[in-house]
C-alpha atoms as a PDB file:
ATOM      1  CA  MET A   1     -33.630  -6.240  12.148  1.00  0.00           C
ATOM      2  CA  THR A   2     -35.989  -9.114  11.978  1.00  0.00           C
ATOM      3  CA  THR A   3     -36.219 -11.663   9.221  1.00  0.00           C
ATOM      4  CA  LEU A   4     -39.495 -10.120   8.104  1.00  0.00           C
ATOM      5  CA  HIS A   5     -37.850  -6.711   7.644  1.00  0.00           C
ATOM      6  CA  ALA A   6     -35.022  -8.327   5.681  1.00  0.00           C
ATOM      7  CA  VAL A   7     -37.504  -9.970   3.318  1.00  0.00           C
ATOM      8  CA  GLU A   8     -39.594  -6.815   2.951  1.00  0.00           C
ATOM      9  CA  ARG A   9     -36.505  -4.743   2.136  1.00  0.00           C
ATOM     10  CA  ASN A  10     -35.062  -7.414  -0.180  1.00  0.00           C
ATOM     11  CA  ARG A  11     -31.846  -7.722   1.842  1.00  0.00           C
ATOM     12  CA  ALA A  12     -29.318 -10.159   0.408  1.00  0.00           C
ATOM     13  CA  GLU A  13     -27.682 -10.712   3.798  1.00  0.00           C
ATOM     14  CA  VAL A  14     -28.710 -10.273   7.409  1.00  0.00           C
ATOM     15  CA  ASN A  15     -26.180 -10.047  10.220  1.00  0.00           C
ATOM     16  CA  VAL A  16     -27.540 -12.116  13.106  1.00  0.00           C
ATOM     17  CA  ALA A  17     -24.518 -11.877  15.403  1.00  0.00           C
ATOM     18  CA  PRO A  18     -24.977 -10.422  18.891  1.00  0.00           C
ATOM     19  CA  LEU A  19     -24.446  -6.673  19.206  1.00  0.00           C
ATOM     20  CA  PRO A  20     -21.010  -6.879  20.926  1.00  0.00           C
ATOM     21  CA  LEU A  21     -19.726  -9.118  18.142  1.00  0.00           C
ATOM     22  CA  ARG A  22     -21.109  -6.812  15.438  1.00  0.00           C
ATOM     23  CA  LEU A  23     -19.490  -3.805  17.109  1.00  0.00           C
ATOM     24  CA  GLY A  24     -16.179  -5.612  17.412  1.00  0.00           C
ATOM     25  CA  SER A  25     -16.351  -6.566  13.756  1.00  0.00           C
ATOM     26  CA  ALA A  26     -17.088  -2.988  12.726  1.00  0.00           C
ATOM     27  CA  VAL A  27     -14.214  -1.619  14.803  1.00  0.00           C
ATOM     28  CA  GLY A  28     -11.921  -4.331  13.428  1.00  0.00           C
ATOM     29  CA  SER A  29     -12.829  -3.339   9.884  1.00  0.00           C
ATOM     30  CA  LEU A  30     -12.110   0.313  10.536  1.00  0.00           C
ATOM     31  CA  PHE A  31      -9.012  -0.147  12.694  1.00  0.00           C
ATOM     32  CA  PRO A  32      -7.404  -3.524  11.953  1.00  0.00           C
ATOM     33  CA  ALA A  33      -4.189  -2.829  13.889  1.00  0.00           C
ATOM     34  CA  LEU A  34      -6.176  -1.894  16.992  1.00  0.00           C
ATOM     35  CA  ALA A  35      -8.309  -5.029  16.686  1.00  0.00           C
ATOM     36  CA  GLU A  36      -5.191  -7.167  16.316  1.00  0.00           C
ATOM     37  CA  ASN A  37      -3.647  -5.694  19.466  1.00  0.00           C
ATOM     38  CA  VAL A  38      -6.846  -6.102  21.476  1.00  0.00           C
ATOM     39  CA  GLN A  39      -7.233  -9.719  20.377  1.00  0.00           C
ATOM     40  CA  ARG A  40      -3.612 -10.502  21.131  1.00  0.00           C
ATOM     41  CA  ARG A  41      -3.975  -9.171  24.678  1.00  0.00           C
ATOM     42  CA  ALA A  42      -7.408 -10.707  25.270  1.00  0.00           C
ATOM     43  CA  ILE A  43      -6.392 -14.351  24.841  1.00  0.00           C
ATOM     44  CA  SER A  44      -3.727 -16.280  26.697  1.00  0.00           C
ATOM     45  CA  PRO A  45      -0.744 -17.841  24.911  1.00  0.00           C
ATOM     46  CA  GLU A  46      -1.934 -21.270  26.085  1.00  0.00           C
ATOM     47  CA  ALA A  47      -5.334 -20.746  24.458  1.00  0.00           C
ATOM     48  CA  LEU A  48      -3.663 -19.590  21.239  1.00  0.00           C
ATOM     49  CA  ARG A  49      -1.509 -22.715  21.240  1.00  0.00           C
ATOM     50  CA  ARG A  50      -4.568 -24.945  21.675  1.00  0.00           C
ATOM     51  CA  ILE A  51      -6.380 -23.179  18.833  1.00  0.00           C
ATOM     52  CA  ALA A  52      -3.363 -23.543  16.537  1.00  0.00           C
ATOM     53  CA  ASP A  53      -2.952 -27.207  17.477  1.00  0.00           C
ATOM     54  CA  ALA A  54      -6.638 -27.904  16.823  1.00  0.00           C
ATOM     55  CA  GLN A  55      -6.437 -26.321  13.346  1.00  0.00           C
ATOM     56  CA  ARG A  56      -3.053 -27.762  12.352  1.00  0.00           C
ATOM     57  CA  HIS A  57      -4.664 -30.618  10.388  1.00  0.00           C
ATOM     58  CA  LYS A  58      -6.283 -28.044   8.055  1.00  0.00           C
ATOM     59  CA  ARG A  59      -2.910 -26.837   6.780  1.00  0.00           C
END
């Protein structure tokens, strides 16, 4: 959907994420446990640790 279509149809929000991300989000909304398991297996423990360390100051 282009911006023009969004304006013509008076859309309040437009999802501009790439298709794979939109599909993943839709699947995650429908099947949260599946999405959690896929995400857990898709990222290494080291990467998770770095993400947690980088966000620690926000807590």
